[in-house]
Amino acid sequence: MLSPEELEALFLDLESDRVERKRSAADRSAIRQAICAFANDLPDHRKPRRP
């Protein structure tokens, strides 16, 4: 689980390989695509991804 400080850092980071930002949850296709991309942990962070 993320600490409040880690969560805040991810929230403030506009560009990250651990965070995907979407304008709307209505585009389900784009969300599915992001989930599949997150499944590939290329940088090997071994940390939970946050969409």
PDB file of N, CA and C in Angstrom:
ATOM      1  N   MET A   1       0.843  -1.175   0.000  1.00  0.00           N
ATOM      2  CA  MET A   1       0.000   0.000   0.000  1.00  0.00           C
ATOM      3  C   MET A   1       0.888   1.237   0.000  1.00  0.00           C
ATOM      4  N   LEU A   2       0.426   2.262  -0.691  1.00  0.00           N
ATOM      5  CA  LEU A   2       1.167   3.516  -0.754  1.00  0.00           C
ATOM      6  C   LEU A   2       0.940   4.355   0.489  1.00  0.00           C
ATOM      7  N   SER A   3       1.994   5.030   0.909  1.00  0.00           N
ATOM      8  CA  SER A   3       1.852   5.970   2.024  1.00  0.00           C
ATOM      9  C   SER A   3       1.180   7.232   1.489  1.00  0.00           C
ATOM     10  N   PRO A   4       0.634   8.054   2.363  1.00  0.00           N
ATOM     11  CA  PRO A   4       0.037   9.314   1.895  1.00  0.00           C
ATOM     12  C   PRO A   4       1.047  10.177   1.123  1.00  0.00           C
ATOM     13  N   GLU A   5       2.299  10.165   1.538  1.00  0.00           N
ATOM     14  CA  GLU A   5       3.323  10.955   0.861  1.00  0.00           C
ATOM     15  C   GLU A   5       3.598  10.423  -0.546  1.00  0.00           C
ATOM     16  N   GLU A   6       3.661   9.080  -0.687  1.00  0.00           N
ATOM     17  CA  GLU A   6       3.879   8.480  -2.005  1.00  0.00           C
ATOM     18  C   GLU A   6       2.702   8.767  -2.932  1.00  0.00           C
ATOM     19  N   LEU A   7       1.500   8.672  -2.411  1.00  0.00           N
ATOM     20  CA  LEU A   7       0.300   8.955  -3.198  1.00  0.00           C
ATOM     21  C   LEU A   7       0.295  10.404  -3.658  1.00  0.00           C
ATOM     22  N   GLU A   8       0.638  11.318  -2.776  1.00  0.00           N
ATOM     23  CA  GLU A   8       0.680  12.729  -3.139  1.00  0.00           C
ATOM     24  C   GLU A   8       1.732  12.983  -4.219  1.00  0.00           C
ATOM     25  N   ALA A   9       2.894  12.343  -4.101  1.00  0.00           N
ATOM     26  CA  ALA A   9       3.941  12.510  -5.109  1.00  0.00           C
ATOM     27  C   ALA A   9       3.471  12.021  -6.479  1.00  0.00           C
ATOM     28  N   LEU A  10       2.760  10.894  -6.522  1.00  0.00           N
ATOM     29  CA  LEU A  10       2.232  10.397  -7.791  1.00  0.00           C
ATOM     30  C   LEU A  10       1.156  11.322  -8.337  1.00  0.00           C
ATOM     31  N   PHE A  11       0.341  11.863  -7.468  1.00  0.00           N
ATOM     32  CA  PHE A  11      -0.723  12.779  -7.881  1.00  0.00           C
ATOM     33  C   PHE A  11      -0.135  14.047  -8.506  1.00  0.00           C
ATOM     34  N   LEU A  12       0.949  14.543  -7.947  1.00  0.00           N
ATOM     35  CA  LEU A  12       1.560  15.780  -8.423  1.00  0.00           C
ATOM     36  C   LEU A  12       2.426  15.582  -9.665  1.00  0.00           C
ATOM     37  N   ASP A  13       2.848  14.338  -9.927  1.00  0.00           N
ATOM     38  CA  ASP A  13       3.712  14.036 -11.072  1.00  0.00           C
ATOM     39  C   ASP A  13       2.852  13.929 -12.326  1.00  0.00           C
ATOM     40  N   LEU A  14       2.948  14.906 -13.209  1.00  0.00           N
ATOM     41  CA  LEU A  14       2.099  14.911 -14.399  1.00  0.00           C
ATOM     42  C   LEU A  14       2.503  13.851 -15.410  1.00  0.00           C
ATOM     43  N   GLU A  15       3.762  13.479 -15.463  1.00  0.00           N
ATOM     44  CA  GLU A  15       4.236  12.467 -16.396  1.00  0.00           C
ATOM     45  C   GLU A  15       4.965  11.397 -15.611  1.00  0.00           C
ATOM     46  N   SER A  16       4.502  10.179 -15.752  1.00  0.00           N
ATOM     47  CA  SER A  16       5.125   9.087 -15.022  1.00  0.00           C
ATOM     48  C   SER A  16       4.808   7.776 -15.712  1.00  0.00           C
ATOM     49  N   ASP A  17       5.706   6.811 -15.592  1.00  0.00           N
ATOM     50  CA  ASP A  17       5.417   5.494 -16.140  1.00  0.00           C
ATOM     51  C   ASP A  17       4.590   4.664 -15.156  1.00  0.00           C
ATOM     52  N   ARG A  18       4.206   5.258 -14.037  1.00  0.00           N
ATOM     53  CA  ARG A  18       3.364   4.580 -13.049  1.00  0.00           C
ATOM     54  C   ARG A  18       1.965   5.171 -12.955  1.00  0.00           C
ATOM     55  N   VAL A  19       1.717   6.277 -13.667  1.00  0.00           N
ATOM     56  CA  VAL A  19       0.428   6.952 -13.587  1.00  0.00           C
ATOM     57  C   VAL A  19      -0.092   7.205 -14.995  1.00  0.00           C
ATOM     58  N   GLU A  20      -1.356   6.921 -15.212  1.00  0.00           N
ATOM     59  CA  GLU A  20      -2.017   7.219 -16.494  1.00  0.00           C
ATOM     60  C   GLU A  20      -3.193   8.131 -16.207  1.00  0.00           C
ATOM     61  N   ARG A  21      -3.221   9.264 -16.846  1.00  0.00           N
ATOM     62  CA  ARG A  21      -4.304  10.216 -16.626  1.00  0.00           C
ATOM     63  C   ARG A  21      -5.247  10.183 -17.826  1.00  0.00           C
ATOM     64  N   LYS A  22      -6.521  10.191 -17.537  1.00  0.00           N
ATOM     65  CA  LYS A  22      -7.566  10.214 -18.568  1.00  0.00           C
ATOM     66  C   LYS A  22      -8.513  11.362 -18.261  1.00  0.00           C
ATOM     67  N   ARG A  23      -8.988  12.015 -19.302  1.00  0.00           N
ATOM     68  CA  ARG A  23      -9.959  13.099 -19.140  1.00  0.00           C
ATOM     69  C   ARG A  23     -11.294  12.584 -18.642  1.00  0.00           C
ATOM     70  N   SER A  24     -11.653  11.388 -19.097  1.00  0.00           N
ATOM     71  CA  SER A  24     -12.967  10.862 -18.778  1.00  0.00           C
ATOM     72  C   SER A  24     -12.905   9.343 -18.645  1.00  0.00           C
ATOM     73  N   ALA A  25     -13.734   8.808 -17.781  1.00  0.00           N
ATOM     74  CA  ALA A  25     -13.828   7.357 -17.639  1.00  0.00           C
ATOM     75  C   ALA A  25     -14.767   6.772 -18.693  1.00  0.00           C
ATOM     76  N   ALA A  26     -15.346   7.603 -19.539  1.00  0.00           N
ATOM     77  CA  ALA A  26     -16.307   7.144 -20.535  1.00  0.00           C
ATOM     78  C   ALA A  26     -15.654   6.364 -21.672  1.00  0.00           C
ATOM     79  N   ASP A  27     -14.388   6.637 -21.964  1.00  0.00           N
ATOM     80  CA  ASP A  27     -13.698   5.948 -23.060  1.00  0.00           C
ATOM     81  C   ASP A  27     -13.127   4.629 -22.548  1.00  0.00           C
ATOM     82  N   ARG A  28     -13.965   3.636 -22.484  1.00  0.00           N
ATOM     83  CA  ARG A  28     -13.579   2.344 -21.917  1.00  0.00           C
ATOM     84  C   ARG A  28     -12.493   1.655 -22.721  1.00  0.00           C
ATOM     85  N   SER A  29     -12.470   1.863 -24.015  1.00  0.00           N
ATOM     86  CA  SER A  29     -11.443   1.259 -24.859  1.00  0.00           C
ATOM     87  C   SER A  29     -10.052   1.782 -24.461  1.00  0.00           C
ATOM     88  N   ALA A  30      -9.948   3.079 -24.253  1.00  0.00           N
ATOM     89  CA  ALA A  30      -8.674   3.671 -23.852  1.00  0.00           C
ATOM     90  C   ALA A  30      -8.264   3.184 -22.465  1.00  0.00           C
ATOM     91  N   ILE A  31      -9.225   3.001 -21.589  1.00  0.00           N
ATOM     92  CA  ILE A  31      -8.925   2.515 -20.244  1.00  0.00           C
ATOM     93  C   ILE A  31      -8.430   1.077 -20.298  1.00  0.00           C
ATOM     94  N   ARG A  32      -9.087   0.238 -21.115  1.00  0.00           N
ATOM     95  CA  ARG A  32      -8.624  -1.148 -21.271  1.00  0.00           C
ATOM     96  C   ARG A  32      -7.210  -1.184 -21.830  1.00  0.00           C
ATOM     97  N   GLN A  33      -6.935  -0.321 -22.789  1.00  0.00           N
ATOM     98  CA  GLN A  33      -5.601  -0.264 -23.381  1.00  0.00           C
ATOM     99  C   GLN A  33      -4.564   0.137 -22.328  1.00  0.00           C
ATOM    100  N   ALA A  34      -4.897   1.108 -21.485  1.00  0.00           N
ATOM    101  CA  ALA A  34      -3.967   1.541 -20.434  1.00  0.00           C
ATOM    102  C   ALA A  34      -3.723   0.419 -19.431  1.00  0.00           C
ATOM    103  N   ILE A  35      -4.764  -0.328 -19.095  1.00  0.00           N
ATOM    104  CA  ILE A  35      -4.601  -1.438 -18.154  1.00  0.00           C
ATOM    105  C   ILE A  35      -3.652  -2.477 -18.724  1.00  0.00           C
ATOM    106  N   CYS A  36      -3.814  -2.790 -19.988  1.00  0.00           N
ATOM    107  CA  CYS A  36      -2.917  -3.767 -20.628  1.00  0.00           C
ATOM    108  C   CYS A  36      -1.477  -3.249 -20.648  1.00  0.00           C
ATOM    109  N   ALA A  37      -1.321  -1.963 -20.908  1.00  0.00           N
ATOM    110  CA  ALA A  37       0.025  -1.387 -20.916  1.00  0.00           C
ATOM    111  C   ALA A  37       0.643  -1.433 -19.525  1.00  0.00           C
ATOM    112  N   PHE A  38      -0.163  -1.168 -18.504  1.00  0.00           N
ATOM    113  CA  PHE A  38       0.355  -1.213 -17.139  1.00  0.00           C
ATOM    114  C   PHE A  38       0.751  -2.616 -16.719  1.00  0.00           C
ATOM    115  N   ALA A  39       0.158  -3.609 -17.356  1.00  0.00           N
ATOM    116  CA  ALA A  39       0.486  -4.988 -17.020  1.00  0.00           C
ATOM    117  C   ALA A  39       1.940  -5.319 -17.386  1.00  0.00           C
ATOM    118  N   ASN A  40       2.513  -4.527 -18.244  1.00  0.00           N
ATOM    119  CA  ASN A  40       3.904  -4.719 -18.655  1.00  0.00           C
ATOM    120  C   ASN A  40       4.803  -3.787 -17.846  1.00  0.00           C
ATOM    121  N   ASP A  41       5.431  -4.311 -16.835  1.00  0.00           N
ATOM    122  CA  ASP A  41       6.284  -3.494 -15.969  1.00  0.00           C
ATOM    123  C   ASP A  41       7.702  -3.453 -16.539  1.00  0.00           C
ATOM    124  N   LEU A  42       7.872  -2.738 -17.630  1.00  0.00           N
ATOM    125  CA  LEU A  42       9.168  -2.696 -18.301  1.00  0.00           C
ATOM    126  C   LEU A  42      10.286  -2.125 -17.431  1.00  0.00           C
ATOM    127  N   PRO A  43      10.055  -1.043 -16.687  1.00  0.00           N
ATOM    128  CA  PRO A  43      11.125  -0.526 -15.840  1.00  0.00           C
ATOM    129  C   PRO A  43      11.376  -1.388 -14.600  1.00  0.00           C
ATOM    130  N   ASP A  44      10.563  -2.412 -14.394  1.00  0.00           N
ATOM    131  CA  ASP A  44      10.717  -3.344 -13.271  1.00  0.00           C
ATOM    132  C   ASP A  44      10.675  -2.637 -11.916  1.00  0.00           C
ATOM    133  N   HIS A  45       9.715  -1.730 -11.766  1.00  0.00           N
ATOM    134  CA  HIS A  45       9.539  -1.045 -10.481  1.00  0.00           C
ATOM    135  C   HIS A  45       9.095  -2.011  -9.390  1.00  0.00           C
ATOM    136  N   ARG A  46       8.333  -3.011  -9.787  1.00  0.00           N
ATOM    137  CA  ARG A  46       7.740  -3.965  -8.846  1.00  0.00           C
ATOM    138  C   ARG A  46       6.925  -3.261  -7.767  1.00  0.00           C
ATOM    139  N   LYS A  47       6.235  -2.207  -8.195  1.00  0.00           N
ATOM    140  CA  LYS A  47       5.353  -1.454  -7.316  1.00  0.00           C
ATOM    141  C   LYS A  47       3.986  -1.414  -7.962  1.00  0.00           C
ATOM    142  N   PRO A  48       2.925  -1.220  -7.179  1.00  0.00           N
ATOM    143  CA  PRO A  48       1.587  -1.161  -7.781  1.00  0.00           C
ATOM    144  C   PRO A  48       1.432   0.031  -8.695  1.00  0.00           C
ATOM    145  N   ARG A  49       0.714  -0.173  -9.781  1.00  0.00           N
ATOM    146  CA  ARG A  49       0.435   0.913 -10.731  1.00  0.00           C
ATOM    147  C   ARG A  49      -0.810   1.640 -10.293  1.00  0.00           C
ATOM    148  N   ARG A  50      -0.869   2.924 -10.554  1.00  0.00           N
ATOM    149  CA  ARG A  50      -2.027   3.734 -10.232  1.00  0.00           C
ATOM    150  C   ARG A  50      -2.536   4.407 -11.487  1.00  0.00           C
ATOM    151  N   PRO A  51      -3.676   4.013 -11.970  1.00  0.00           N
ATOM    152  CA  PRO A  51      -4.239   4.655 -13.171  1.00  0.00           C
ATOM    153  C   PRO A  51      -4.706   6.069 -12.920  1.00  0.00           C
TER     154      PRO A  51
END
